[in-house]
Amino acid sequence: MAAVDGSTKSGSALGPDAAAPAANRPLSAEEFARLRVRRFDPTTFRWEGIPDQVYQGPEEPAPRFRNVIRRTLVPGGATPASFEVRYFEVGPGGYSRLELHQHIHAVLVLRGQGEVQLGDEVHRVRPFDLIYVPPRTPHQFRHRGGDGAEPFGFLCVVDAQRDRPQPLDGGPGEG
């Protein structure tokens, strides 16, 4: 039986029969359904049971992005909701891929200093700034700061069912 704080007799918010997910993959719908409370550790800026994932697939040319990890907090299709919540972290010198797509992004900065390119505009952003990325708008997220700076981390909410991004030329690392 789970305690009010979400822990169980075994001390895990996963529940007594839940296995930890394999590294580098999102939680399955079954795993997510058992994991009602994910404890956050502010010292590591991680949620219990949420693995790091590869930002883009292995077919993606390396110069299009650098030093980015993704953690899928609420996987699409795992709940009755029609959205997915992801956490991205861009380390020093890092940047996401410059891309566009039909679906929107709602982004909330949680930590660090960064900048976001939206079309031809570049905006400096900091914790708790809210960013709306409209459909078909070229966009990219970049870390701002030196090698010892805190990572630039943000939540990104998207439709669970969405079109594939179209990579664009012209971001850092190209040209």
C-alpha atoms as a PDB file:
ATOM      1  CA  MET A   1       0.000   0.000   0.000  1.00  0.00           C
ATOM      2  CA  ALA A   2       1.279   3.467  -0.864  1.00  0.00           C
ATOM      3  CA  ALA A   3       1.692   6.142   1.774  1.00  0.00           C
ATOM      4  CA  VAL A   4       0.167   9.601   1.371  1.00  0.00           C
ATOM      5  CA  ASP A   5       3.539  10.976   0.220  1.00  0.00           C
ATOM      6  CA  GLY A   6       3.571   8.495  -2.695  1.00  0.00           C
ATOM      7  CA  SER A   7       6.182   6.164  -1.278  1.00  0.00           C
ATOM      8  CA  THR A   8       5.512   2.482  -0.789  1.00  0.00           C
ATOM      9  CA  LYS A   9       6.658  -0.024   1.782  1.00  0.00           C
ATOM     10  CA  SER A  10       9.738  -0.525  -0.364  1.00  0.00           C
ATOM     11  CA  GLY A  11      10.337   3.244  -0.436  1.00  0.00           C
ATOM     12  CA  SER A  12       9.769   3.747  -4.156  1.00  0.00           C
ATOM     13  CA  ALA A  13       7.108   5.891  -5.786  1.00  0.00           C
ATOM     14  CA  LEU A  14       7.055   3.301  -8.564  1.00  0.00           C
ATOM     15  CA  GLY A  15       5.139   0.854  -6.425  1.00  0.00           C
ATOM     16  CA  PRO A  16       6.089  -2.581  -5.132  1.00  0.00           C
ATOM     17  CA  ASP A  17       6.048  -4.428  -8.455  1.00  0.00           C
ATOM     18  CA  ALA A  18       7.390  -1.720 -10.755  1.00  0.00           C
ATOM     19  CA  ALA A  19      10.739  -2.280 -12.362  1.00  0.00           C
ATOM     20  CA  ALA A  20      12.985   0.640 -13.182  1.00  0.00           C
ATOM     21  CA  PRO A  21      12.845   1.515 -16.881  1.00  0.00           C
ATOM     22  CA  ALA A  22      15.745   0.564 -19.113  1.00  0.00           C
ATOM     23  CA  ALA A  23      18.257   3.332 -19.655  1.00  0.00           C
ATOM     24  CA  ASN A  24      17.873   5.734 -22.561  1.00  0.00           C
ATOM     25  CA  ARG A  25      14.254   5.059 -23.467  1.00  0.00           C
ATOM     26  CA  PRO A  26      10.984   6.702 -22.489  1.00  0.00           C
ATOM     27  CA  LEU A  27       8.664   4.998 -20.037  1.00  0.00           C
ATOM     28  CA  SER A  28       6.107   2.635 -21.531  1.00  0.00           C
ATOM     29  CA  ALA A  29       2.422   3.365 -20.940  1.00  0.00           C
ATOM     30  CA  GLU A  30       2.384   0.553 -18.360  1.00  0.00           C
ATOM     31  CA  GLU A  31       5.419   1.920 -16.487  1.00  0.00           C
ATOM     32  CA  PHE A  32       4.005   5.430 -16.563  1.00  0.00           C
ATOM     33  CA  ALA A  33       0.624   4.270 -15.222  1.00  0.00           C
ATOM     34  CA  ARG A  34       2.366   2.752 -12.170  1.00  0.00           C
ATOM     35  CA  LEU A  35       4.516   5.836 -11.627  1.00  0.00           C
ATOM     36  CA  ARG A  36       2.030   8.370 -10.267  1.00  0.00           C
ATOM     37  CA  VAL A  37       4.527  10.492  -8.324  1.00  0.00           C
ATOM     38  CA  ARG A  38       8.014  11.109  -9.633  1.00  0.00           C
ATOM     39  CA  ARG A  39      10.259  12.531  -6.929  1.00  0.00           C
ATOM     40  CA  PHE A  40      12.472  15.428  -7.999  1.00  0.00           C
ATOM     41  CA  ASP A  41      16.047  15.686  -6.726  1.00  0.00           C
ATOM     42  CA  PRO A  42      17.155  19.349  -6.851  1.00  0.00           C
ATOM     43  CA  THR A  43      20.815  18.396  -6.354  1.00  0.00           C
ATOM     44  CA  THR A  44      20.885  16.445  -9.644  1.00  0.00           C
ATOM     45  CA  PHE A  45      17.916  18.161 -11.328  1.00  0.00           C
ATOM     46  CA  ARG A  46      16.420  14.754 -12.128  1.00  0.00           C
ATOM     47  CA  TRP A  47      13.110  13.001 -11.588  1.00  0.00           C
ATOM     48  CA  GLU A  48      13.059   9.490 -10.112  1.00  0.00           C
ATOM     49  CA  GLY A  49      12.692   6.804 -12.751  1.00  0.00           C
ATOM     50  CA  ILE A  50      13.012   9.159 -15.734  1.00  0.00           C
ATOM     51  CA  PRO A  51      15.993   8.198 -17.917  1.00  0.00           C
ATOM     52  CA  ASP A  52      18.055  10.447 -20.163  1.00  0.00           C
ATOM     53  CA  GLN A  53      17.277   9.970 -23.846  1.00  0.00           C
ATOM     54  CA  VAL A  54      19.180  10.700 -27.016  1.00  0.00           C
ATOM     55  CA  TYR A  55      18.075  14.135 -28.262  1.00  0.00           C
ATOM     56  CA  GLN A  56      17.865  13.104 -31.931  1.00  0.00           C
ATOM     57  CA  GLY A  57      18.284   9.773 -33.695  1.00  0.00           C
ATOM     58  CA  PRO A  58      21.616   8.292 -34.800  1.00  0.00           C
ATOM     59  CA  GLU A  59      20.934   9.280 -38.436  1.00  0.00           C
ATOM     60  CA  GLU A  60      21.113  12.964 -37.450  1.00  0.00           C
ATOM     61  CA  PRO A  61      24.405  14.665 -38.462  1.00  0.00           C
ATOM     62  CA  ALA A  62      26.247  15.675 -35.273  1.00  0.00           C
ATOM     63  CA  PRO A  63      26.884  19.341 -36.178  1.00  0.00           C
ATOM     64  CA  ARG A  64      23.146  20.133 -36.183  1.00  0.00           C
ATOM     65  CA  PHE A  65      22.976  19.929 -32.375  1.00  0.00           C
ATOM     66  CA  ARG A  66      25.383  19.726 -29.476  1.00  0.00           C
ATOM     67  CA  ASN A  67      25.298  18.802 -25.769  1.00  0.00           C
ATOM     68  CA  VAL A  68      21.512  18.270 -25.452  1.00  0.00           C
ATOM     69  CA  ILE A  69      19.648  15.621 -23.453  1.00  0.00           C
ATOM     70  CA  ARG A  70      15.925  14.899 -23.311  1.00  0.00           C
ATOM     71  CA  ARG A  71      13.811  13.372 -20.561  1.00  0.00           C
ATOM     72  CA  THR A  72      10.220  12.451 -21.385  1.00  0.00           C
ATOM     73  CA  LEU A  73       8.220  13.213 -18.233  1.00  0.00           C
ATOM     74  CA  VAL A  74       4.719  12.462 -19.584  1.00  0.00           C
ATOM     75  CA  PRO A  75       4.908  10.237 -22.662  1.00  0.00           C
ATOM     76  CA  GLY A  76       2.370  10.636 -25.433  1.00  0.00           C
ATOM     77  CA  GLY A  77      -0.217   7.872 -25.404  1.00  0.00           C
ATOM     78  CA  ALA A  78       0.481   6.934 -21.783  1.00  0.00           C
ATOM     79  CA  THR A  79      -2.428   8.932 -20.396  1.00  0.00           C
ATOM     80  CA  PRO A  80      -5.855   9.971 -21.686  1.00  0.00           C
ATOM     81  CA  ALA A  81      -4.316  13.400 -22.426  1.00  0.00           C
ATOM     82  CA  SER A  82      -3.409  14.419 -25.965  1.00  0.00           C
ATOM     83  CA  PHE A  83      -0.076  16.014 -25.015  1.00  0.00           C
ATOM     84  CA  GLU A  84       3.479  15.059 -24.111  1.00  0.00           C
ATOM     85  CA  VAL A  85       5.731  16.817 -21.561  1.00  0.00           C
ATOM     86  CA  ARG A  86       9.478  16.710 -22.089  1.00  0.00           C
ATOM     87  CA  TYR A  87      12.399  18.254 -20.225  1.00  0.00           C
ATOM     88  CA  PHE A  88      15.410  19.328 -22.275  1.00  0.00           C
ATOM     89  CA  GLU A  89      18.784  20.301 -20.904  1.00  0.00           C
ATOM     90  CA  VAL A  90      21.356  22.138 -23.005  1.00  0.00           C
ATOM     91  CA  GLY A  91      24.843  22.108 -21.532  1.00  0.00           C
ATOM     92  CA  PRO A  92      27.606  24.700 -21.939  1.00  0.00           C
ATOM     93  CA  GLY A  93      28.359  25.349 -25.601  1.00  0.00           C
ATOM     94  CA  GLY A  94      25.251  23.404 -26.582  1.00  0.00           C
ATOM     95  CA  TYR A  95      22.319  24.057 -28.879  1.00  0.00           C
ATOM     96  CA  SER A  96      19.299  22.209 -30.237  1.00  0.00           C
ATOM     97  CA  ARG A  97      18.713  21.591 -33.913  1.00  0.00           C
ATOM     98  CA  LEU A  98      17.393  24.504 -35.995  1.00  0.00           C
ATOM     99  CA  GLU A  99      14.060  23.139 -37.247  1.00  0.00           C
ATOM    100  CA  LEU A 100      10.425  23.817 -38.024  1.00  0.00           C
ATOM    101  CA  HIS A 101       7.195  21.804 -37.990  1.00  0.00           C
ATOM    102  CA  GLN A 102       3.427  22.229 -38.002  1.00  0.00           C
ATOM    103  CA  HIS A 103       2.866  21.541 -34.283  1.00  0.00           C
ATOM    104  CA  ILE A 104       3.365  24.210 -31.618  1.00  0.00           C
ATOM    105  CA  HIS A 105       5.635  24.204 -28.578  1.00  0.00           C
ATOM    106  CA  ALA A 106       4.806  25.675 -25.184  1.00  0.00           C
ATOM    107  CA  VAL A 107       8.138  26.045 -23.368  1.00  0.00           C
ATOM    108  CA  LEU A 108       8.818  27.018 -19.743  1.00  0.00           C
ATOM    109  CA  VAL A 109      12.435  27.743 -18.785  1.00  0.00           C
ATOM    110  CA  LEU A 110      13.346  26.142 -15.433  1.00  0.00           C
ATOM    111  CA  ARG A 111      17.070  26.770 -15.028  1.00  0.00           C
ATOM    112  CA  GLY A 112      20.101  28.476 -16.483  1.00  0.00           C
ATOM    113  CA  GLN A 113      20.449  31.159 -19.098  1.00  0.00           C
ATOM    114  CA  GLY A 114      19.697  30.619 -22.744  1.00  0.00           C
ATOM    115  CA  GLU A 115      18.472  32.096 -25.917  1.00  0.00           C
ATOM    116  CA  VAL A 116      15.796  31.028 -28.335  1.00  0.00           C
ATOM    117  CA  GLN A 117      15.694  31.779 -32.018  1.00  0.00           C
ATOM    118  CA  LEU A 118      12.122  32.247 -33.296  1.00  0.00           C
ATOM    119  CA  GLY A 119      12.167  32.968 -37.016  1.00  0.00           C
ATOM    120  CA  ASP A 120      14.626  35.841 -37.529  1.00  0.00           C
ATOM    121  CA  GLU A 121      14.471  37.003 -33.886  1.00  0.00           C
ATOM    122  CA  VAL A 122      16.739  35.871 -31.043  1.00  0.00           C
ATOM    123  CA  HIS A 123      15.541  36.308 -27.450  1.00  0.00           C
ATOM    124  CA  ARG A 124      17.550  35.873 -24.255  1.00  0.00           C
ATOM    125  CA  VAL A 125      15.580  33.818 -21.747  1.00  0.00           C
ATOM    126  CA  ARG A 126      15.925  32.915 -18.069  1.00  0.00           C
ATOM    127  CA  PRO A 127      14.033  30.809 -15.503  1.00  0.00           C
ATOM    128  CA  PHE A 128      10.253  31.045 -15.642  1.00  0.00           C
ATOM    129  CA  ASP A 129      10.147  32.808 -19.013  1.00  0.00           C
ATOM    130  CA  LEU A 130       7.403  31.283 -21.165  1.00  0.00           C
ATOM    131  CA  ILE A 131       7.977  30.734 -24.876  1.00  0.00           C
ATOM    132  CA  TYR A 132       5.375  29.990 -27.536  1.00  0.00           C
ATOM    133  CA  VAL A 133       6.696  28.514 -30.780  1.00  0.00           C
ATOM    134  CA  PRO A 134       4.002  28.955 -33.476  1.00  0.00           C
ATOM    135  CA  PRO A 135       3.459  26.473 -36.333  1.00  0.00           C
ATOM    136  CA  ARG A 136       6.066  26.470 -39.129  1.00  0.00           C
ATOM    137  CA  THR A 137       8.385  28.838 -37.243  1.00  0.00           C
ATOM    138  CA  PRO A 138      12.108  28.064 -37.486  1.00  0.00           C
ATOM    139  CA  HIS A 139      13.393  27.728 -33.924  1.00  0.00           C
ATOM    140  CA  GLN A 140      16.429  26.723 -31.916  1.00  0.00           C
ATOM    141  CA  PHE A 141      17.408  26.736 -28.226  1.00  0.00           C
ATOM    142  CA  ARG A 142      20.974  27.647 -27.180  1.00  0.00           C
ATOM    143  CA  HIS A 143      22.909  27.681 -23.920  1.00  0.00           C
ATOM    144  CA  ARG A 144      24.306  31.083 -22.890  1.00  0.00           C
ATOM    145  CA  GLY A 145      27.242  31.018 -20.576  1.00  0.00           C
ATOM    146  CA  GLY A 146      30.719  29.637 -20.199  1.00  0.00           C
ATOM    147  CA  ASP A 147      31.987  26.141 -19.544  1.00  0.00           C
ATOM    148  CA  GLY A 148      31.202  26.277 -15.820  1.00  0.00           C
ATOM    149  CA  ALA A 149      27.703  27.712 -16.258  1.00  0.00           C
ATOM    150  CA  GLU A 150      24.564  25.959 -15.094  1.00  0.00           C
ATOM    151  CA  PRO A 151      22.781  23.951 -17.821  1.00  0.00           C
ATOM    152  CA  PHE A 152      19.909  25.636 -19.668  1.00  0.00           C
ATOM    153  CA  GLY A 153      16.870  23.487 -18.839  1.00  0.00           C
ATOM    154  CA  PHE A 154      13.265  23.811 -19.946  1.00  0.00           C
ATOM    155  CA  LEU A 155       9.956  21.981 -20.098  1.00  0.00           C
ATOM    156  CA  CYS A 156       8.445  21.591 -23.560  1.00  0.00           C
ATOM    157  CA  VAL A 157       4.798  20.605 -24.054  1.00  0.00           C
ATOM    158  CA  VAL A 158       3.741  19.299 -27.473  1.00  0.00           C
ATOM    159  CA  ASP A 159       0.885  17.327 -29.015  1.00  0.00           C
ATOM    160  CA  ALA A 160       1.239  13.588 -28.448  1.00  0.00           C
ATOM    161  CA  GLN A 161       0.426  13.010 -32.132  1.00  0.00           C
ATOM    162  CA  ARG A 162       2.499  15.440 -34.185  1.00  0.00           C
ATOM    163  CA  ASP A 163       4.322  15.863 -37.468  1.00  0.00           C
ATOM    164  CA  ARG A 164       8.043  15.182 -37.820  1.00  0.00           C
ATOM    165  CA  PRO A 165      10.402  18.176 -37.523  1.00  0.00           C
ATOM    166  CA  GLN A 166      12.147  19.435 -40.649  1.00  0.00           C
ATOM    167  CA  PRO A 167      15.829  20.207 -39.996  1.00  0.00           C
ATOM    168  CA  LEU A 168      17.065  23.511 -41.404  1.00  0.00           C
ATOM    169  CA  ASP A 169      20.544  24.676 -42.370  1.00  0.00           C
ATOM    170  CA  GLY A 170      22.180  27.683 -40.780  1.00  0.00           C
ATOM    171  CA  GLY A 171      22.404  26.895 -37.068  1.00  0.00           C
ATOM    172  CA  PRO A 172      25.617  26.842 -34.994  1.00  0.00           C
ATOM    173  CA  GLY A 173      28.042  24.196 -36.177  1.00  0.00           C
ATOM    174  CA  GLU A 174      27.047  24.600 -39.836  1.00  0.00           C
ATOM    175  CA  GLY A 175      28.832  26.796 -42.331  1.00  0.00           C
END
